[in-house]
Protein backbone atom coordinates (compact mmCIF):
# COMPACT_ATOMS: atom_id res chain seq x y z
CA UNK A 1 27.74 19.22 15.42
CA UNK A 2 24.15 19.97 14.71
CA UNK A 3 21.31 21.31 12.50
CA UNK A 4 21.51 24.98 14.05
CA UNK A 5 25.28 24.53 14.59
CA UNK A 6 26.63 27.36 11.91
CA UNK A 7 29.61 25.41 11.34
CA UNK A 8 27.66 22.17 10.42
CA UNK A 9 28.29 21.67 6.60
CA UNK A 10 25.63 20.94 4.02
CA UNK A 11 26.54 17.39 3.75
CA UNK A 12 25.97 17.15 7.76
CA UNK A 13 22.84 18.68 7.23
CA UNK A 14 21.41 16.84 4.65
CA UNK A 15 22.65 13.76 6.41
CA UNK A 16 20.69 14.90 9.59
CA UNK A 17 17.52 15.58 7.93
CA UNK A 18 17.55 11.93 6.15
CA UNK A 19 18.38 10.23 9.29
CA UNK A 20 14.83 12.54 10.99
CA UNK A 21 12.85 11.65 7.88
CA UNK A 22 13.39 8.00 7.72
CA UNK A 23 12.56 8.02 11.58
CA UNK A 24 9.59 9.86 11.02
CA UNK A 25 8.32 7.36 8.03
CA UNK A 26 9.05 4.47 10.47
CA UNK A 27 6.78 5.85 13.61
CA UNK A 28 4.21 6.69 10.79
CA UNK A 29 4.40 2.95 9.63
CA UNK A 30 4.39 1.76 13.06
CA UNK A 31 1.09 4.21 14.07
CA UNK A 32 -0.53 2.93 10.76
CA UNK A 33 -0.41 -0.88 11.82
CA UNK A 34 -1.42 0.15 15.59
CA UNK A 35 -4.25 1.78 14.58
CA UNK A 36 -4.98 -1.10 12.03
CA UNK A 37 -4.71 -3.64 14.47
CA UNK A 38 -6.69 -1.89 17.07
CA UNK A 39 -9.82 -2.01 14.71
CA UNK A 40 -9.09 -5.61 13.77
CA UNK A 41 -8.84 -7.14 17.12
CA UNK A 42 -12.03 -5.16 18.20
CA UNK A 43 -13.92 -5.92 15.19
CA UNK A 44 -14.71 -2.72 13.81
CA UNK A 45 -12.84 -3.32 10.57
CA UNK A 46 -14.48 -5.86 7.81
CA UNK A 47 -12.91 -6.89 4.27
CA UNK A 48 -14.55 -5.19 1.46
CA UNK A 49 -14.27 -7.90 -1.03
CA UNK A 50 -14.37 -7.43 -4.68
CA UNK A 51 -12.93 -9.20 -8.05
CA UNK A 52 -9.21 -8.08 -8.31
CA UNK A 53 -6.55 -9.63 -10.71
CA UNK A 54 -3.84 -11.00 -8.36
CA UNK A 55 -0.67 -10.47 -10.90
CA UNK A 56 -1.54 -6.57 -11.15
CA UNK A 57 -1.92 -6.10 -7.36
CA UNK A 58 1.55 -7.93 -7.21
CA UNK A 59 3.07 -5.91 -9.48
CA UNK A 60 2.23 -2.72 -8.16
CA UNK A 61 3.65 -4.07 -4.41
CA UNK A 62 6.99 -5.01 -6.41
CA UNK A 63 7.07 -1.03 -8.18
CA UNK A 64 6.62 0.49 -4.69
CA UNK A 65 9.36 -1.62 -3.43
CA UNK A 66 11.70 -0.67 -6.25
CA UNK A 67 11.14 2.85 -5.57
CA UNK A 68 11.76 2.64 -2.01
CA UNK A 69 15.14 0.29 -1.78
CA UNK A 70 18.03 -0.33 -4.09
CA UNK A 71 19.99 -3.58 -4.26
CA UNK A 72 17.68 -6.45 -4.07
CA UNK A 73 16.52 -8.11 -7.41
CA UNK A 74 12.83 -9.37 -7.95
CA UNK A 75 11.79 -12.46 -10.05
CA UNK A 76 7.81 -12.60 -10.20
CA UNK A 77 6.16 -15.74 -11.61
CA UNK A 78 2.77 -15.93 -12.15
CA UNK A 79 1.07 -19.20 -12.96
CA UNK A 80 -2.05 -18.01 -14.64
CA UNK A 81 -1.83 -14.63 -16.04
CA UNK A 82 -5.61 -13.69 -15.33
CA UNK A 83 -5.77 -15.04 -12.05
CA UNK A 84 -8.92 -13.35 -10.54
CA UNK A 85 -9.60 -13.42 -6.62
CA UNK A 86 -12.57 -12.20 -4.44
CA UNK A 87 -10.48 -9.85 -1.87
CA UNK A 88 -10.11 -6.65 -0.06
CA UNK A 89 -7.72 -4.28 -2.15
CA UNK A 90 -6.25 -2.06 0.82
CA UNK A 91 -5.69 -5.39 2.88
CA UNK A 92 -4.04 -7.68 0.11
CA UNK A 93 -1.77 -4.66 -0.44
CA UNK A 94 -1.19 -4.05 2.95
CA UNK A 95 0.04 -8.00 3.04
CA UNK A 96 2.44 -8.22 0.23
CA UNK A 97 3.85 -4.86 1.28
CA UNK A 98 4.42 -6.50 4.95
CA UNK A 99 6.33 -9.59 3.05
CA UNK A 100 8.41 -7.61 0.68
CA UNK A 101 9.48 -5.75 3.56
CA UNK A 102 10.48 -8.74 5.72
CA UNK A 103 12.13 -10.39 2.45
CA UNK A 104 14.14 -7.20 1.76
CA UNK A 105 15.17 -6.59 5.76
CA UNK A 106 16.16 -10.21 6.12
CA UNK A 107 18.12 -10.83 2.85
CA UNK A 108 21.81 -9.69 1.91
CA UNK A 109 22.29 -6.47 -0.36
CA UNK A 110 22.05 -7.47 -4.13
CA UNK A 111 20.07 -10.88 -3.35
CA UNK A 112 16.84 -12.18 -5.14
CA UNK A 113 13.37 -12.36 -4.01
CA UNK A 114 11.12 -14.60 -5.80
CA UNK A 115 7.48 -13.94 -5.89
CA UNK A 116 5.26 -16.84 -7.11
CA UNK A 117 1.38 -16.48 -7.63
CA UNK A 118 -0.51 -19.69 -8.20
CA UNK A 119 -4.47 -20.89 -8.46
CA UNK A 120 -4.79 -23.56 -5.18
CA UNK A 121 -6.99 -26.27 -4.94
CA UNK A 122 -9.47 -24.75 -7.61
CA UNK A 123 -10.79 -22.41 -5.00
CA UNK A 124 -8.21 -20.09 -3.65
CA UNK A 125 -4.92 -18.67 -5.05
CA UNK A 126 -1.40 -18.49 -3.37
CA UNK A 127 1.23 -15.89 -3.12
CA UNK A 128 4.65 -17.24 -1.94
CA UNK A 129 7.74 -14.78 -1.11
CA UNK A 130 11.24 -16.77 -1.03
CA UNK A 131 14.38 -14.98 -0.24
CA UNK A 132 17.81 -15.64 0.50
CA UNK A 133 18.53 -14.60 3.45
CA UNK A 134 19.99 -16.47 6.60
CA UNK A 135 16.76 -17.93 7.39
CA UNK A 136 14.95 -18.41 10.31
CA UNK A 137 16.23 -20.85 13.36
CA UNK A 138 13.94 -23.59 14.75
CA UNK A 139 13.31 -21.69 17.97
CA UNK A 140 12.11 -18.58 16.29
CA UNK A 141 9.90 -20.09 13.63
CA UNK A 142 7.00 -21.17 15.69
CA UNK A 143 6.74 -17.62 16.94
CA UNK A 144 7.41 -15.22 13.91
CA UNK A 145 3.43 -14.13 13.46
CA UNK A 146 3.17 -13.66 17.30
CA UNK A 147 2.34 -9.80 18.21
CA UNK A 148 5.78 -8.07 19.14
CA UNK A 149 7.85 -11.02 18.42
CA UNK A 150 10.88 -9.94 16.51
CA UNK A 151 13.54 -12.50 14.95
CA UNK A 152 17.26 -12.15 16.46
CA UNK A 153 18.80 -10.56 13.62
CA UNK A 154 17.89 -8.44 10.57
CA UNK A 155 20.80 -7.32 7.71
CA UNK A 156 22.57 -5.44 10.36
CA UNK A 157 22.54 -8.22 13.01
CA UNK A 158 20.18 -6.37 15.25
CA UNK A 159 16.63 -7.15 15.70
CA UNK A 160 14.68 -4.90 13.24
CA UNK A 161 11.22 -3.31 13.30
CA UNK A 162 8.36 -3.20 16.09
CA UNK A 163 7.38 -6.78 15.78
CA UNK A 164 3.87 -6.10 14.06
CA UNK A 165 4.53 -6.61 10.56
CA UNK A 166 3.91 -10.46 10.26
CA UNK A 167 1.14 -10.21 12.89
CA UNK A 168 -0.73 -7.85 10.78
CA UNK A 169 -0.44 -9.36 7.85
CA UNK A 170 -1.74 -12.93 9.47
CA UNK A 171 -4.90 -10.62 10.88
CA UNK A 172 -5.43 -8.97 7.73
CA UNK A 173 -5.25 -12.85 5.82
CA UNK A 174 -7.53 -14.70 8.06
CA UNK A 175 -9.80 -12.20 8.41
CA UNK A 176 -10.59 -12.92 4.76
CA UNK A 177 -10.67 -16.84 5.51
CA UNK A 178 -7.54 -17.46 4.34
CA UNK A 179 -4.34 -18.81 5.79
CA UNK A 180 -0.63 -17.56 5.83
CA UNK A 181 2.26 -19.60 7.04
CA UNK A 182 6.40 -19.83 6.85
CA UNK A 183 8.71 -22.50 5.73
CA UNK A 184 12.74 -21.76 6.53
CA UNK A 185 15.73 -23.55 7.91
CA UNK A 186 18.81 -21.75 9.13
CA UNK A 187 21.53 -20.72 6.69
CA UNK A 188 18.81 -21.67 3.67
CA UNK A 189 16.28 -18.29 3.12
CA UNK A 190 12.64 -18.46 3.93
CA UNK A 191 9.58 -18.93 2.31
CA UNK A 192 6.33 -16.83 3.34
CA UNK A 193 2.99 -17.92 1.77
CA UNK A 194 -0.80 -16.71 1.88
């Protein structure tokens, strides 16, 4: 039964349209990452740093995620309400979106994802995203920020995405003079920080 089949019910047509739109959004996100990565790797993109309130950036990212998906609960902890950072707003937003997307992708439905921000060494601020997923194997952990690397299984048991999200996040963090890292044990969830 297809979109043009006169016998196709309205429900079937809606379901097919939903699949088409979801795949189109997925492809658009992939192309956006490829274009941005190409510009970064060729040195054509430079950060536009300005004073930002980190709590506000994270709150906006969580609001976007809340509209995109259902099922996960977010806990947001800020150790300093007025924590200002000198950063590129668009790039930092992209990093947050990629880490939150990753946490949702590899977490059970209705589990809690914790986001924590705090000052670090008096000079930097850190953002930590902790999930309650299956964790990352010792074999995968050293490679998760590699280009096109995908861990073995997502929420549905299959490799998910294109393997560019964490690589892009790493490039955007490092281009701003920061560091990104991951901590995980199989069966105990994962923590990503930058």
